Amino acid sequence: MIEKPGHNSRILSNKVPEVTLAFWVIKIMSTTVGETGADYLAVHVGLGTALTDAIMTTLLATALLLQLWTKRYVPWIYWLTVVLVSIVGTQITDALTDGLEVSLYVSTAAFAAALSATFAVWYGSERTLSIRSIVTTRRELFYWLAILFTFALGTASGDLATEELGLGFNLGTVVFGALIAAIGAACALGANTVLAFWLAYILTRPLGASLGDLMSQARGYGGLGFGTSYTSLGFLAVIVALVVYVSVEDSRSRRRREQGGPA
């Protein structure tokens, strides 16, 4: 059930796209592009971790302000924000793991608690966690905070599974993909769609990372040997093509609504 926003809330059109196949493909690929893009700037360009973190955080803040400023869903702004949240969420986990040597068990538990707390406060305030109800600035702020923690949690739990528990990126791709498929099947059989969405959203982060490693790692390590640059460029090209596609479809739908036809 989607509750009506309070009387003092600024009502917007829903700021989140329809959850389609294109949505999930862009989401999964954005995790790979985000992670490898940050690594490229820090290592290959030579900016270093601290400067890269500062640049990405600044870019995220700018994109988020632009996303909050718009009164409707604009595909390129939304997905740019998602990619940047992916980068910053990954950087937060990496800073704890590599910089402060925090155990992945601890960081996974901490991010799970932070995400649970965000959902609890969000639901207590708005009485819904549905992404079909992001029609006020307050709900959108809850939404993006939850998205940030899903990326951080997905990074920590994915690294825990593939590194600490020895799952590896080959088996990791299969396992995380199978888990998402199982959630989709459960949803088709009548499971709670809101819970299913958020569980799948968390799992797309380790799936994207495992898939990216599978594509980029050398054949001697079990990968396909395309390298991080070609993998990132390929995924980025697919993301751009899909964002252009959904932008065109969104424009067509809005024109049909304005003309009084079906969306």
Protein backbone atom coordinates (compact mmCIF):
# COMPACT_ATOMS: atom_id res chain seq x y z
CA MET A 1 0.00 0.00 0.00
CA ILE A 2 1.33 3.44 -0.91
CA GLU A 3 0.49 6.12 1.61
CA LYS A 4 -0.28 9.69 0.65
CA PRO A 5 2.46 12.21 1.53
CA GLY A 6 1.85 14.73 4.25
CA HIS A 7 0.14 18.04 3.56
CA ASN A 8 3.36 20.01 4.00
CA SER A 9 5.30 17.94 1.42
CA ARG A 10 6.14 19.29 -2.02
CA ILE A 11 4.44 16.89 -4.45
CA LEU A 12 6.50 15.80 -7.46
CA SER A 13 6.03 13.26 -10.20
CA ASN A 14 7.67 9.96 -9.30
CA LYS A 15 11.45 10.43 -9.52
CA VAL A 16 12.38 6.75 -10.02
CA PRO A 17 12.14 4.87 -13.35
CA GLU A 18 9.97 1.87 -14.05
CA VAL A 19 11.66 -1.38 -12.98
CA THR A 20 12.20 -3.05 -16.34
CA LEU A 21 14.89 -5.30 -17.82
CA ALA A 22 16.74 -2.16 -18.96
CA PHE A 23 16.68 -0.89 -15.35
CA TRP A 24 18.42 -4.01 -14.04
CA VAL A 25 20.96 -4.20 -16.88
CA ILE A 26 21.99 -0.56 -16.37
CA LYS A 27 22.14 -1.07 -12.60
CA ILE A 28 24.37 -4.16 -12.82
CA MET A 29 26.73 -2.62 -15.37
CA SER A 30 26.96 0.67 -13.49
CA THR A 31 28.55 -1.16 -10.56
CA THR A 32 31.39 -2.42 -12.75
CA VAL A 33 31.91 0.91 -14.51
CA GLY A 34 31.85 2.72 -11.18
CA GLU A 35 34.44 0.54 -9.54
CA THR A 36 36.86 0.26 -12.47
CA GLY A 37 36.48 3.96 -13.28
CA ALA A 38 37.59 4.97 -9.80
CA ASP A 39 40.50 2.51 -9.93
CA TYR A 40 41.54 3.90 -13.32
CA LEU A 41 41.69 7.47 -12.00
CA ALA A 42 43.48 6.50 -8.79
CA VAL A 43 46.06 4.10 -10.27
CA HIS A 44 46.46 4.59 -14.03
CA VAL A 45 45.96 8.36 -14.16
CA GLY A 46 47.90 8.67 -10.91
CA LEU A 47 45.50 10.87 -8.93
CA GLY A 48 45.78 8.69 -5.85
CA THR A 49 43.03 7.42 -3.59
CA ALA A 50 42.47 10.60 -1.56
CA LEU A 51 42.13 12.93 -4.57
CA THR A 52 39.97 10.44 -6.46
CA ASP A 53 37.68 10.10 -3.42
CA ALA A 54 37.39 13.89 -3.16
CA ILE A 55 36.62 14.27 -6.87
CA MET A 56 34.00 11.52 -6.90
CA THR A 57 32.32 12.80 -3.72
CA THR A 58 32.13 16.30 -5.21
CA LEU A 59 30.70 14.96 -8.46
CA LEU A 60 28.14 12.91 -6.52
CA ALA A 61 27.06 15.92 -4.48
CA THR A 62 26.63 17.94 -7.69
CA ALA A 63 24.67 15.20 -9.45
CA LEU A 64 22.49 14.61 -6.39
CA LEU A 65 21.64 18.32 -6.11
CA LEU A 66 20.71 18.31 -9.80
CA GLN A 67 18.58 15.18 -9.29
CA LEU A 68 16.81 16.75 -6.30
CA TRP A 69 16.29 20.01 -8.19
CA THR A 70 14.45 18.40 -11.10
CA LYS A 71 10.70 18.00 -10.68
CA ARG A 72 10.42 14.75 -12.64
CA TYR A 73 12.42 11.69 -13.62
CA VAL A 74 15.18 12.61 -16.10
CA PRO A 75 16.99 9.41 -17.20
CA TRP A 76 20.51 10.74 -17.73
CA ILE A 77 20.52 12.65 -14.43
CA TYR A 78 19.13 9.70 -12.49
CA TRP A 79 21.58 7.15 -13.91
CA LEU A 80 24.56 9.49 -13.60
CA THR A 81 23.69 9.79 -9.92
CA VAL A 82 23.43 6.00 -9.61
CA VAL A 83 26.89 5.48 -11.17
CA LEU A 84 28.42 8.09 -8.85
CA VAL A 85 26.69 6.61 -5.80
CA SER A 86 28.12 3.25 -6.88
CA ILE A 87 31.62 4.72 -6.93
CA VAL A 88 31.33 6.49 -3.57
CA GLY A 89 29.63 3.53 -1.89
CA THR A 90 32.45 1.29 -3.08
CA GLN A 91 35.07 3.81 -1.95
CA ILE A 92 33.58 3.94 1.55
CA THR A 93 33.86 0.17 1.91
CA ASP A 94 37.36 0.09 0.39
CA ALA A 95 38.50 2.87 2.73
CA LEU A 96 37.35 0.87 5.74
CA THR A 97 38.84 -2.40 4.47
CA ASP A 98 42.11 -1.22 2.93
CA GLY A 99 42.74 2.02 4.77
CA LEU A 100 41.54 1.25 8.28
CA GLU A 101 41.83 -2.57 8.03
CA VAL A 102 38.27 -3.08 9.24
CA SER A 103 37.18 -6.71 8.89
CA LEU A 104 34.72 -7.41 6.09
CA TYR A 105 32.57 -9.24 8.63
CA VAL A 106 32.38 -6.04 10.70
CA SER A 107 31.77 -3.70 7.75
CA THR A 108 29.09 -6.01 6.32
CA ALA A 109 27.29 -6.10 9.66
CA ALA A 110 27.67 -2.33 10.12
CA PHE A 111 26.28 -1.47 6.67
CA ALA A 112 23.44 -3.96 7.11
CA ALA A 113 22.56 -2.22 10.39
CA ALA A 114 22.81 1.23 8.77
CA LEU A 115 20.56 0.18 5.88
CA SER A 116 18.05 -1.40 8.28
CA ALA A 117 18.00 1.78 10.36
CA THR A 118 17.44 3.88 7.22
CA PHE A 119 14.51 1.68 6.20
CA ALA A 120 13.08 1.81 9.74
CA VAL A 121 13.18 5.63 9.90
CA TRP A 122 11.93 5.91 6.31
CA TYR A 123 8.97 3.61 6.96
CA GLY A 124 8.24 5.21 10.32
CA SER A 125 8.09 8.61 8.66
CA GLU A 126 6.38 7.76 5.36
CA ARG A 127 4.62 4.40 6.01
CA THR A 128 5.98 3.01 2.74
CA LEU A 129 9.29 1.92 1.21
CA SER A 130 7.91 1.57 -2.31
CA ILE A 131 9.95 3.18 -5.07
CA ARG A 132 6.67 3.93 -6.81
CA SER A 133 6.03 6.58 -4.15
CA ILE A 134 9.12 8.81 -4.49
CA VAL A 135 7.00 11.95 -4.94
CA THR A 136 8.40 14.26 -2.24
CA THR A 137 11.89 15.59 -1.55
CA ARG A 138 11.96 13.89 1.85
CA ARG A 139 11.17 10.50 0.35
CA GLU A 140 13.81 11.04 -2.31
CA LEU A 141 16.41 11.81 0.35
CA PHE A 142 15.53 8.56 2.13
CA TYR A 143 15.72 6.76 -1.20
CA TRP A 144 19.22 7.98 -2.08
CA LEU A 145 20.55 7.33 1.42
CA ALA A 146 19.24 3.77 1.15
CA ILE A 147 20.83 3.44 -2.31
CA LEU A 148 24.21 4.55 -0.91
CA PHE A 149 24.05 1.95 1.87
CA THR A 150 22.96 -0.79 -0.58
CA PHE A 151 26.11 -0.16 -2.62
CA ALA A 152 28.32 -0.11 0.48
CA LEU A 153 26.67 -3.25 1.84
CA GLY A 154 26.78 -4.96 -1.55
CA THR A 155 30.50 -4.19 -1.85
CA ALA A 156 31.30 -5.43 1.66
CA SER A 157 29.18 -8.58 1.47
CA GLY A 158 30.37 -9.33 -2.07
CA ASP A 159 34.03 -9.00 -1.07
CA LEU A 160 33.33 -11.12 1.99
CA ALA A 161 31.84 -13.89 -0.15
CA THR A 162 34.35 -13.82 -3.01
CA GLU A 163 37.53 -13.12 -1.01
CA GLU A 164 37.20 -14.12 2.64
CA LEU A 165 34.94 -17.12 1.98
CA GLY A 166 36.77 -18.06 -1.22
CA LEU A 167 33.80 -17.97 -3.59
CA GLY A 168 35.81 -16.31 -6.37
CA PHE A 169 34.46 -14.22 -9.23
CA ASN A 170 33.51 -17.18 -11.46
CA LEU A 171 31.34 -18.93 -8.91
CA GLY A 172 30.33 -15.55 -7.50
CA THR A 173 28.77 -14.56 -10.83
CA VAL A 174 26.73 -17.78 -10.84
CA VAL A 175 25.71 -17.63 -7.17
CA PHE A 176 24.69 -13.96 -7.11
CA GLY A 177 22.89 -14.32 -10.44
CA ALA A 178 21.04 -17.37 -9.14
CA LEU A 179 20.02 -15.54 -5.97
CA ILE A 180 18.59 -12.65 -7.99
CA ALA A 181 16.74 -15.13 -10.24
CA ALA A 182 15.32 -16.84 -7.14
CA ILE A 183 14.09 -13.49 -5.81
CA GLY A 184 12.46 -12.79 -9.19
CA ALA A 185 10.75 -16.17 -9.09
CA ALA A 186 9.55 -15.60 -5.53
CA CYS A 187 8.16 -12.22 -6.56
CA ALA A 188 6.29 -13.84 -9.47
CA LEU A 189 4.78 -16.31 -7.00
CA GLY A 190 3.42 -13.55 -4.80
CA ALA A 191 6.30 -12.48 -2.51
CA ASN A 192 6.37 -8.91 -1.24
CA THR A 193 7.50 -6.80 -4.20
CA VAL A 194 9.07 -4.04 -2.10
CA LEU A 195 11.21 -6.50 -0.12
CA ALA A 196 12.11 -8.38 -3.31
CA PHE A 197 13.21 -5.17 -5.03
CA TRP A 198 15.56 -4.09 -2.24
CA LEU A 199 17.08 -7.57 -1.82
CA ALA A 200 17.74 -7.78 -5.56
CA TYR A 201 19.13 -4.25 -5.58
CA ILE A 202 21.69 -5.15 -2.92
CA LEU A 203 22.74 -8.30 -4.78
CA THR A 204 23.27 -6.51 -8.09
CA ARG A 205 26.37 -4.86 -6.61
CA PRO A 206 28.36 -8.08 -5.98
CA LEU A 207 26.95 -9.57 -9.21
CA GLY A 208 28.20 -6.59 -11.21
CA ALA A 209 31.61 -6.74 -9.55
CA SER A 210 31.94 -10.50 -10.13
CA LEU A 211 30.79 -10.14 -13.74
CA GLY A 212 33.27 -7.32 -14.30
CA ASP A 213 36.11 -9.43 -12.85
CA LEU A 214 35.07 -12.37 -15.00
CA MET A 215 35.24 -10.20 -18.13
CA SER A 216 38.43 -8.30 -17.26
CA GLN A 217 40.71 -10.78 -15.47
CA ALA A 218 43.39 -12.67 -17.38
CA ARG A 219 42.58 -16.14 -18.66
CA GLY A 220 45.22 -17.57 -16.36
CA TYR A 221 43.13 -16.40 -13.40
CA GLY A 222 39.90 -17.82 -14.81
CA GLY A 223 38.69 -14.65 -16.53
CA LEU A 224 37.97 -13.89 -20.16
CA GLY A 225 40.98 -11.58 -20.50
CA PHE A 226 39.33 -8.44 -21.92
CA GLY A 227 41.08 -6.16 -19.40
CA THR A 228 39.55 -3.44 -17.23
CA SER A 229 39.72 -0.72 -19.91
CA TYR A 230 37.87 -2.66 -22.62
CA THR A 231 35.40 -4.11 -20.11
CA SER A 232 34.62 -0.66 -18.71
CA LEU A 233 34.27 0.90 -22.16
CA GLY A 234 32.02 -1.93 -23.33
CA PHE A 235 29.79 -1.71 -20.29
CA LEU A 236 29.73 2.09 -20.52
CA ALA A 237 28.67 1.91 -24.17
CA VAL A 238 25.78 -0.40 -23.23
CA ILE A 239 24.76 1.92 -20.37
CA VAL A 240 24.77 4.99 -22.64
CA ALA A 241 22.78 3.16 -25.34
CA LEU A 242 20.18 1.99 -22.82
CA VAL A 243 19.90 5.43 -21.19
CA VAL A 244 19.32 6.96 -24.64
CA TYR A 245 16.68 4.29 -25.30
CA VAL A 246 14.82 4.85 -22.02
CA SER A 247 15.06 8.62 -22.52
CA VAL A 248 13.35 8.32 -25.90
CA GLU A 249 10.69 6.00 -24.45
CA ASP A 250 10.13 8.37 -21.52
CA SER A 251 9.68 11.32 -23.89
CA ARG A 252 7.18 9.33 -25.97
CA SER A 253 5.21 8.33 -22.87
CA ARG A 254 5.03 11.92 -21.65
CA ARG A 255 3.83 13.14 -25.04
CA ARG A 256 1.11 10.49 -25.10
CA ARG A 257 -0.02 11.48 -21.61
CA GLU A 258 -0.10 15.14 -22.55
CA GLN A 259 -2.23 14.26 -25.60
CA GLY A 260 -4.61 12.27 -23.44
CA GLY A 261 -3.65 8.83 -24.76
CA PRO A 262 -2.40 5.80 -22.81
CA ALA A 263 1.10 6.10 -21.32
